[in-house]
PDB file of all heavy atoms in Angstrom:
ATOM      1  N   PRO A   1       0.792  -1.231   0.054  1.00  0.00           N
ATOM      2  CA  PRO A   1      -0.023   0.004   0.009  1.00  0.00           C
ATOM      3  C   PRO A   1       0.910   1.320  -0.011  1.00  0.00           C
ATOM      4  O   PRO A   1       2.002   1.244   0.444  1.00  0.00           O
ATOM      5  CB  PRO A   1      -0.811  -0.109   1.256  1.00  0.00           C
ATOM      6  CG  PRO A   1      -0.196  -1.170   2.058  1.00  0.00           C
ATOM      7  CD  PRO A   1       0.736  -1.977   1.267  1.00  0.00           C
ATOM      8  N   ILE A   2       0.289   2.298  -0.540  1.00  0.00           N
ATOM      9  CA  ILE A   2       0.994   3.617  -0.703  1.00  0.00           C
ATOM     10  C   ILE A   2       0.237   4.647   0.078  1.00  0.00           C
ATOM     11  O   ILE A   2      -1.002   4.733  -0.082  1.00  0.00           O
ATOM     12  CB  ILE A   2       1.073   3.958  -2.202  1.00  0.00           C
ATOM     13  CG1 ILE A   2       1.747   2.919  -2.974  1.00  0.00           C
ATOM     14  CG2 ILE A   2       1.796   5.340  -2.375  1.00  0.00           C
ATOM     15  CD1 ILE A   2       1.603   3.105  -4.484  1.00  0.00           C
ATOM     16  N   GLU A   3       0.944   5.481   0.847  1.00  0.00           N
ATOM     17  CA  GLU A   3       0.287   6.657   1.516  1.00  0.00           C
ATOM     18  C   GLU A   3       0.075   7.714   0.507  1.00  0.00           C
ATOM     19  O   GLU A   3       1.022   8.171  -0.126  1.00  0.00           O
ATOM     20  CB  GLU A   3       1.047   7.041   2.746  1.00  0.00           C
ATOM     21  CG  GLU A   3       0.886   6.128   3.889  1.00  0.00           C
ATOM     22  CD  GLU A   3       1.264   6.756   5.215  1.00  0.00           C
ATOM     23  OE1 GLU A   3       1.170   8.020   5.381  1.00  0.00           O
ATOM     24  OE2 GLU A   3       1.598   5.989   6.091  1.00  0.00           O
ATOM     25  N   VAL A   4      -1.151   8.197   0.400  1.00  0.00           N
ATOM     26  CA  VAL A   4      -1.560   9.156  -0.637  1.00  0.00           C
ATOM     27  C   VAL A   4      -2.462  10.151   0.013  1.00  0.00           C
ATOM     28  O   VAL A   4      -3.374   9.829   0.771  1.00  0.00           O
ATOM     29  CB  VAL A   4      -2.289   8.453  -1.748  1.00  0.00           C
ATOM     30  CG1 VAL A   4      -2.834   9.383  -2.810  1.00  0.00           C
ATOM     31  CG2 VAL A   4      -1.431   7.427  -2.447  1.00  0.00           C
ATOM     32  N   VAL A   5      -2.319  11.420  -0.301  1.00  0.00           N
ATOM     33  CA  VAL A   5      -3.201  12.515   0.062  1.00  0.00           C
ATOM     34  C   VAL A   5      -4.149  12.648  -1.158  1.00  0.00           C
ATOM     35  O   VAL A   5      -3.685  12.895  -2.286  1.00  0.00           O
ATOM     36  CB  VAL A   5      -2.550  13.834   0.350  1.00  0.00           C
ATOM     37  CG1 VAL A   5      -3.527  14.936   0.535  1.00  0.00           C
ATOM     38  CG2 VAL A   5      -1.649  13.625   1.534  1.00  0.00           C
ATOM     39  N   VAL A   6      -5.469  12.462  -0.865  1.00  0.00           N
ATOM     40  CA  VAL A   6      -6.544  12.662  -1.908  1.00  0.00           C
ATOM     41  C   VAL A   6      -7.134  14.019  -1.644  1.00  0.00           C
ATOM     42  O   VAL A   6      -7.756  14.279  -0.648  1.00  0.00           O
ATOM     43  CB  VAL A   6      -7.549  11.524  -1.747  1.00  0.00           C
ATOM     44  CG1 VAL A   6      -8.664  11.772  -2.791  1.00  0.00           C
ATOM     45  CG2 VAL A   6      -6.895  10.181  -1.868  1.00  0.00           C
ATOM     46  N   GLU A   7      -6.903  14.934  -2.647  1.00  0.00           N
ATOM     47  CA  GLU A   7      -7.478  16.250  -2.573  1.00  0.00           C
ATOM     48  C   GLU A   7      -8.794  16.192  -3.283  1.00  0.00           C
ATOM     49  O   GLU A   7      -8.820  15.864  -4.479  1.00  0.00           O
ATOM     50  CB  GLU A   7      -6.510  17.263  -3.145  1.00  0.00           C
ATOM     51  CG  GLU A   7      -5.208  17.360  -2.463  1.00  0.00           C
ATOM     52  CD  GLU A   7      -4.228  18.300  -3.178  1.00  0.00           C
ATOM     53  OE1 GLU A   7      -4.734  19.219  -3.922  1.00  0.00           O
ATOM     54  OE2 GLU A   7      -2.989  18.203  -2.949  1.00  0.00           O
ATOM     55  N   LEU A   8      -9.926  16.666  -2.700  1.00  0.00           N
ATOM     56  CA  LEU A   8     -11.176  16.664  -3.290  1.00  0.00           C
ATOM     57  C   LEU A   8     -11.474  17.982  -3.957  1.00  0.00           C
ATOM     58  O   LEU A   8     -10.969  18.993  -3.554  1.00  0.00           O
ATOM     59  CB  LEU A   8     -12.246  16.408  -2.220  1.00  0.00           C
ATOM     60  CG  LEU A   8     -12.140  15.057  -1.474  1.00  0.00           C
ATOM     61  CD1 LEU A   8     -13.229  14.868  -0.473  1.00  0.00           C
ATOM     62  CD2 LEU A   8     -12.010  13.853  -2.500  1.00  0.00           C
ATOM     63  N   ASN A   9     -12.308  17.988  -4.983  1.00  0.00           N
ATOM     64  CA  ASN A   9     -12.811  19.193  -5.615  1.00  0.00           C
ATOM     65  C   ASN A   9     -13.760  19.795  -4.649  1.00  0.00           C
ATOM     66  O   ASN A   9     -14.702  19.220  -4.248  1.00  0.00           O
ATOM     67  CB  ASN A   9     -13.470  18.830  -6.979  1.00  0.00           C
ATOM     68  CG  ASN A   9     -12.517  18.531  -8.006  1.00  0.00           C
ATOM     69  OD1 ASN A   9     -11.569  19.307  -8.256  1.00  0.00           O
ATOM     70  ND2 ASN A   9     -12.829  17.509  -8.812  1.00  0.00           N
ATOM     71  N   PRO A  10     -13.480  21.070  -4.251  1.00  0.00           N
ATOM     72  CA  PRO A  10     -14.439  21.702  -3.299  1.00  0.00           C
ATOM     73  C   PRO A  10     -15.721  22.036  -3.941  1.00  0.00           C
ATOM     74  O   PRO A  10     -15.819  22.353  -5.150  1.00  0.00           O
ATOM     75  CB  PRO A  10     -13.693  22.942  -2.938  1.00  0.00           C
ATOM     76  CG  PRO A  10     -12.747  23.226  -4.041  1.00  0.00           C
ATOM     77  CD  PRO A  10     -12.386  21.940  -4.656  1.00  0.00           C
ATOM     78  N   GLU A  11     -16.856  21.892  -3.168  1.00  0.00           N
ATOM     79  CA  GLU A  11     -18.113  22.426  -3.604  1.00  0.00           C
ATOM     80  C   GLU A  11     -18.133  23.909  -3.458  1.00  0.00           C
ATOM     81  O   GLU A  11     -17.324  24.502  -2.726  1.00  0.00           O
ATOM     82  CB  GLU A  11     -19.238  21.734  -2.752  1.00  0.00           C
ATOM     83  CG  GLU A  11     -19.283  20.232  -3.069  1.00  0.00           C
ATOM     84  CD  GLU A  11     -20.601  19.657  -2.460  1.00  0.00           C
ATOM     85  OE1 GLU A  11     -21.459  20.336  -2.002  1.00  0.00           O
ATOM     86  OE2 GLU A  11     -20.674  18.417  -2.440  1.00  0.00           O
ATOM     87  N   PRO A  12     -18.998  24.613  -4.215  1.00  0.00           N
ATOM     88  CA  PRO A  12     -19.048  26.018  -4.193  1.00  0.00           C
ATOM     89  C   PRO A  12     -19.269  26.505  -2.699  1.00  0.00           C
ATOM     90  O   PRO A  12     -20.069  25.887  -1.897  1.00  0.00           O
ATOM     91  CB  PRO A  12     -20.250  26.479  -5.068  1.00  0.00           C
ATOM     92  CG  PRO A  12     -20.382  25.299  -5.982  1.00  0.00           C
ATOM     93  CD  PRO A  12     -19.962  24.091  -5.236  1.00  0.00           C
ATOM     94  N   SER A  13     -18.609  27.659  -2.287  1.00  0.00           N
ATOM     95  CA  SER A  13     -18.798  28.108  -0.947  1.00  0.00           C
ATOM     96  C   SER A  13     -20.147  28.748  -0.748  1.00  0.00           C
ATOM     97  O   SER A  13     -20.693  29.428  -1.672  1.00  0.00           O
ATOM     98  CB  SER A  13     -17.744  29.221  -0.678  1.00  0.00           C
ATOM     99  OG  SER A  13     -16.474  28.621  -0.811  1.00  0.00           O
ATOM    100  N   PRO A  14     -20.724  28.527   0.439  1.00  0.00           N
ATOM    101  CA  PRO A  14     -21.998  29.183   0.770  1.00  0.00           C
ATOM    102  C   PRO A  14     -21.899  30.682   0.716  1.00  0.00           C
ATOM    103  O   PRO A  14     -20.857  31.197   1.143  1.00  0.00           O
ATOM    104  CB  PRO A  14     -22.380  28.645   2.133  1.00  0.00           C
ATOM    105  CG  PRO A  14     -21.379  27.635   2.460  1.00  0.00           C
ATOM    106  CD  PRO A  14     -20.245  27.699   1.553  1.00  0.00           C
ATOM    107  N   LYS A  15     -22.898  31.330   0.252  1.00  0.00           N
ATOM    108  CA  LYS A  15     -22.818  32.826   0.138  1.00  0.00           C
ATOM    109  C   LYS A  15     -23.669  33.498   1.182  1.00  0.00           C
ATOM    110  O   LYS A  15     -23.569  34.745   1.395  1.00  0.00           O
ATOM    111  CB  LYS A  15     -23.340  33.255  -1.280  1.00  0.00           C
ATOM    112  CG  LYS A  15     -22.572  32.679  -2.491  1.00  0.00           C
ATOM    113  CD  LYS A  15     -21.137  33.199  -2.418  1.00  0.00           C
ATOM    114  CE  LYS A  15     -20.388  32.651  -3.602  1.00  0.00           C
ATOM    115  NZ  LYS A  15     -19.006  32.452  -3.480  1.00  0.00           N
ATOM    116  N   SER A  16     -24.576  32.755   1.852  1.00  0.00           N
ATOM    117  CA  SER A  16     -25.414  33.433   2.799  1.00  0.00           C
ATOM    118  C   SER A  16     -25.243  32.738   4.201  1.00  0.00           C
ATOM    119  O   SER A  16     -24.705  31.754   4.373  1.00  0.00           O
ATOM    120  CB  SER A  16     -26.882  33.321   2.373  1.00  0.00           C
ATOM    121  OG  SER A  16     -27.304  31.918   2.393  1.00  0.00           O
ATOM    122  N   GLY A  17     -25.710  33.531   5.244  1.00  0.00           N
ATOM    123  CA  GLY A  17     -25.692  33.067   6.567  1.00  0.00           C
ATOM    124  C   GLY A  17     -24.490  33.774   7.358  1.00  0.00           C
ATOM    125  O   GLY A  17     -23.712  34.428   6.714  1.00  0.00           O
ATOM    126  N   THR A  18     -24.420  33.494   8.639  1.00  0.00           N
ATOM    127  CA  THR A  18     -23.338  34.039   9.433  1.00  0.00           C
ATOM    128  C   THR A  18     -22.068  33.314   9.109  1.00  0.00           C
ATOM    129  O   THR A  18     -22.076  32.166   8.364  1.00  0.00           O
ATOM    130  CB  THR A  18     -23.615  33.832  10.916  1.00  0.00           C
ATOM    131  OG1 THR A  18     -23.665  32.496  11.208  1.00  0.00           O
ATOM    132  CG2 THR A  18     -24.968  34.463  11.332  1.00  0.00           C
ATOM    133  N   ARG A  19     -20.977  33.752   9.506  1.00  0.00           N
ATOM    134  CA  ARG A  19     -19.667  33.191   9.264  1.00  0.00           C
ATOM    135  C   ARG A  19     -19.677  31.739   9.760  1.00  0.00           C
ATOM    136  O   ARG A  19     -19.267  30.746   9.109  1.00  0.00           O
ATOM    137  CB  ARG A  19     -18.553  33.999   9.930  1.00  0.00           C
ATOM    138  CG  ARG A  19     -17.187  33.376   9.731  1.00  0.00           C
ATOM    139  CD  ARG A  19     -16.065  34.320  10.293  1.00  0.00           C
ATOM    140  NE  ARG A  19     -14.724  33.820   9.991  1.00  0.00           N
ATOM    141  CZ  ARG A  19     -14.017  33.016  10.717  1.00  0.00           C
ATOM    142  NH1 ARG A  19     -14.557  32.482  11.810  1.00  0.00           N
ATOM    143  NH2 ARG A  19     -12.858  32.602  10.354  1.00  0.00           N
ATOM    144  N   GLY A  20     -20.193  31.507  11.007  1.00  0.00           N
ATOM    145  CA  GLY A  20     -20.269  30.190  11.585  1.00  0.00           C
ATOM    146  C   GLY A  20     -21.132  29.301  10.767  1.00  0.00           C
ATOM    147  O   GLY A  20     -20.819  28.097  10.621  1.00  0.00           O
ATOM    148  N   GLU A  21     -22.286  29.775  10.251  1.00  0.00           N
ATOM    149  CA  GLU A  21     -23.193  29.011   9.450  1.00  0.00           C
ATOM    150  C   GLU A  21     -22.521  28.630   8.195  1.00  0.00           C
ATOM    151  O   GLU A  21     -22.667  27.534   7.644  1.00  0.00           O
ATOM    152  CB  GLU A  21     -24.453  29.823   9.233  1.00  0.00           C
ATOM    153  CG  GLU A  21     -25.359  29.868  10.380  1.00  0.00           C
ATOM    154  CD  GLU A  21     -26.536  30.787  10.183  1.00  0.00           C
ATOM    155  OE1 GLU A  21     -26.458  31.726   9.317  1.00  0.00           O
ATOM    156  OE2 GLU A  21     -27.459  30.720  10.988  1.00  0.00           O
ATOM    157  N   ARG A  22     -21.804  29.518   7.515  1.00  0.00           N
ATOM    158  CA  ARG A  22     -21.091  29.233   6.290  1.00  0.00           C
ATOM    159  C   ARG A  22     -20.001  28.171   6.466  1.00  0.00           C
ATOM    160  O   ARG A  22     -19.802  27.264   5.662  1.00  0.00           O
ATOM    161  CB  ARG A  22     -20.493  30.520   5.642  1.00  0.00           C
ATOM    162  CG  ARG A  22     -21.605  31.455   5.120  1.00  0.00           C
ATOM    163  CD  ARG A  22     -21.027  32.624   4.279  1.00  0.00           C
ATOM    164  NE  ARG A  22     -19.853  33.234   4.870  1.00  0.00           N
ATOM    165  CZ  ARG A  22     -19.837  34.350   5.626  1.00  0.00           C
ATOM    166  NH1 ARG A  22     -20.983  34.846   6.024  1.00  0.00           N
ATOM    167  NH2 ARG A  22     -18.653  34.748   6.080  1.00  0.00           N
ATOM    168  N   ILE A  23     -19.245  28.248   7.576  1.00  0.00           N
ATOM    169  CA  ILE A  23     -18.267  27.233   7.932  1.00  0.00           C
ATOM    170  C   ILE A  23     -18.865  25.893   8.105  1.00  0.00           C
ATOM    171  O   ILE A  23     -18.462  24.938   7.614  1.00  0.00           O
ATOM    172  CB  ILE A  23     -17.466  27.767   9.205  1.00  0.00           C
ATOM    173  CG1 ILE A  23     -16.574  28.909   8.769  1.00  0.00           C
ATOM    174  CG2 ILE A  23     -16.602  26.547   9.699  1.00  0.00           C
ATOM    175  CD1 ILE A  23     -15.903  29.581  10.040  1.00  0.00           C
ATOM    176  N   ALA A  24     -19.982  25.906   8.802  1.00  0.00           N
ATOM    177  CA  ALA A  24     -20.709  24.625   9.091  1.00  0.00           C
ATOM    178  C   ALA A  24     -21.180  24.022   7.737  1.00  0.00           C
ATOM    179  O   ALA A  24     -21.050  22.756   7.577  1.00  0.00           O
ATOM    180  CB  ALA A  24     -21.857  24.828  10.106  1.00  0.00           C
ATOM    181  N   GLN A  25     -21.696  24.817   6.872  1.00  0.00           N
ATOM    182  CA  GLN A  25     -22.142  24.310   5.600  1.00  0.00           C
ATOM    183  C   GLN A  25     -21.077  23.793   4.713  1.00  0.00           C
ATOM    184  O   GLN A  25     -21.164  22.757   4.067  1.00  0.00           O
ATOM    185  CB  GLN A  25     -22.897  25.438   4.830  1.00  0.00           C
ATOM    186  CG  GLN A  25     -24.245  25.773   5.471  1.00  0.00           C
ATOM    187  CD  GLN A  25     -24.813  27.158   4.794  1.00  0.00           C
ATOM    188  OE1 GLN A  25     -24.328  27.661   3.864  1.00  0.00           O
ATOM    189  NE2 GLN A  25     -25.861  27.664   5.408  1.00  0.00           N
ATOM    190  N   ALA A  26     -19.881  24.516   4.712  1.00  0.00           N
ATOM    191  CA  ALA A  26     -18.789  24.050   3.968  1.00  0.00           C
ATOM    192  C   ALA A  26     -18.267  22.764   4.488  1.00  0.00           C
ATOM    193  O   ALA A  26     -17.919  21.901   3.765  1.00  0.00           O
ATOM    194  CB  ALA A  26     -17.640  25.124   3.988  1.00  0.00           C
ATOM    195  N   ARG A  27     -18.171  22.627   5.813  1.00  0.00           N
ATOM    196  CA  ARG A  27     -17.660  21.361   6.470  1.00  0.00           C
ATOM    197  C   ARG A  27     -18.573  20.259   6.150  1.00  0.00           C
ATOM    198  O   ARG A  27     -18.192  19.125   5.796  1.00  0.00           O
ATOM    199  CB  ARG A  27     -17.567  21.612   8.032  1.00  0.00           C
ATOM    200  CG  ARG A  27     -16.938  20.370   8.699  1.00  0.00           C
ATOM    201  CD  ARG A  27     -16.737  20.770  10.131  1.00  0.00           C
ATOM    202  NE  ARG A  27     -15.834  19.736  10.644  1.00  0.00           N
ATOM    203  CZ  ARG A  27     -15.169  19.978  11.725  1.00  0.00           C
ATOM    204  NH1 ARG A  27     -15.212  21.036  12.468  1.00  0.00           N
ATOM    205  NH2 ARG A  27     -14.375  18.950  12.191  1.00  0.00           N
ATOM    206  N   ALA A  28     -19.926  20.490   6.221  1.00  0.00           N
ATOM    207  CA  ALA A  28     -20.943  19.418   5.948  1.00  0.00           C
ATOM    208  C   ALA A  28     -20.767  18.941   4.436  1.00  0.00           C
ATOM    209  O   ALA A  28     -20.904  17.784   4.087  1.00  0.00           O
ATOM    210  CB  ALA A  28     -22.294  19.914   6.231  1.00  0.00           C
ATOM    211  N   ALA A  29     -20.517  19.902   3.566  1.00  0.00           N
ATOM    212  CA  ALA A  29     -20.370  19.656   2.128  1.00  0.00           C
ATOM    213  C   ALA A  29     -19.223  18.739   1.930  1.00  0.00           C
ATOM    214  O   ALA A  29     -19.261  17.798   1.132  1.00  0.00           O
ATOM    215  CB  ALA A  29     -20.353  20.882   1.293  1.00  0.00           C
ATOM    216  N   PHE A  30     -18.130  19.132   2.597  1.00  0.00           N
ATOM    217  CA  PHE A  30     -16.888  18.258   2.498  1.00  0.00           C
ATOM    218  C   PHE A  30     -17.158  16.823   2.947  1.00  0.00           C
ATOM    219  O   PHE A  30     -16.865  15.868   2.322  1.00  0.00           O
ATOM    220  CB  PHE A  30     -15.709  18.874   3.285  1.00  0.00           C
ATOM    221  CG  PHE A  30     -14.651  17.905   3.492  1.00  0.00           C
ATOM    222  CD1 PHE A  30     -13.710  17.573   2.440  1.00  0.00           C
ATOM    223  CD2 PHE A  30     -14.385  17.322   4.697  1.00  0.00           C
ATOM    224  CE1 PHE A  30     -12.705  16.692   2.630  1.00  0.00           C
ATOM    225  CE2 PHE A  30     -13.391  16.378   4.836  1.00  0.00           C
ATOM    226  CZ  PHE A  30     -12.576  16.069   3.825  1.00  0.00           C
ATOM    227  N   GLU A  31     -17.788  16.736   4.119  1.00  0.00           N
ATOM    228  CA  GLU A  31     -18.102  15.380   4.691  1.00  0.00           C
ATOM    229  C   GLU A  31     -18.964  14.614   3.869  1.00  0.00           C
ATOM    230  O   GLU A  31     -18.660  13.378   3.671  1.00  0.00           O
ATOM    231  CB  GLU A  31     -18.763  15.554   6.128  1.00  0.00           C
ATOM    232  CG  GLU A  31     -17.821  16.087   7.119  1.00  0.00           C
ATOM    233  CD  GLU A  31     -16.569  15.212   7.384  1.00  0.00           C
ATOM    234  OE1 GLU A  31     -16.553  13.946   7.092  1.00  0.00           O
ATOM    235  OE2 GLU A  31     -15.508  15.737   7.787  1.00  0.00           O
ATOM    236  N   ARG A  32     -19.955  15.102   3.183  1.00  0.00           N
ATOM    237  CA  ARG A  32     -20.779  14.359   2.208  1.00  0.00           C
ATOM    238  C   ARG A  32     -19.937  13.843   1.080  1.00  0.00           C
ATOM    239  O   ARG A  32     -19.985  12.645   0.648  1.00  0.00           O
ATOM    240  CB  ARG A  32     -21.957  15.250   1.697  1.00  0.00           C
ATOM    241  CG  ARG A  32     -23.092  15.464   2.549  1.00  0.00           C
ATOM    242  CD  ARG A  32     -24.235  16.152   1.796  1.00  0.00           C
ATOM    243  NE  ARG A  32     -23.843  17.441   1.270  1.00  0.00           N
ATOM    244  CZ  ARG A  32     -23.960  18.598   1.856  1.00  0.00           C
ATOM    245  NH1 ARG A  32     -24.292  18.634   3.149  1.00  0.00           N
ATOM    246  NH2 ARG A  32     -23.628  19.699   1.280  1.00  0.00           N
ATOM    247  N   GLN A  33     -19.116  14.733   0.455  1.00  0.00           N
ATOM    248  CA  GLN A  33     -18.253  14.333  -0.639  1.00  0.00           C
ATOM    249  C   GLN A  33     -17.199  13.291  -0.166  1.00  0.00           C
ATOM    250  O   GLN A  33     -16.940  12.256  -0.856  1.00  0.00           O
ATOM    251  CB  GLN A  33     -17.552  15.542  -1.263  1.00  0.00           C
ATOM    252  CG  GLN A  33     -16.848  15.292  -2.501  1.00  0.00           C
ATOM    253  CD  GLN A  33     -16.859  16.513  -3.381  1.00  0.00           C
ATOM    254  OE1 GLN A  33     -17.829  17.005  -3.760  1.00  0.00           O
ATOM    255  NE2 GLN A  33     -15.619  16.920  -3.665  1.00  0.00           N
TER     256      GLN A  33
END
């Protein structure tokens, strides 16, 4: 086996909500992908 970093294509960043809400949305989108 080979150790590899898999970089994912990011989903578009949320445009609305508070900073905390946008961070939570971005994190949830990453977790789904």
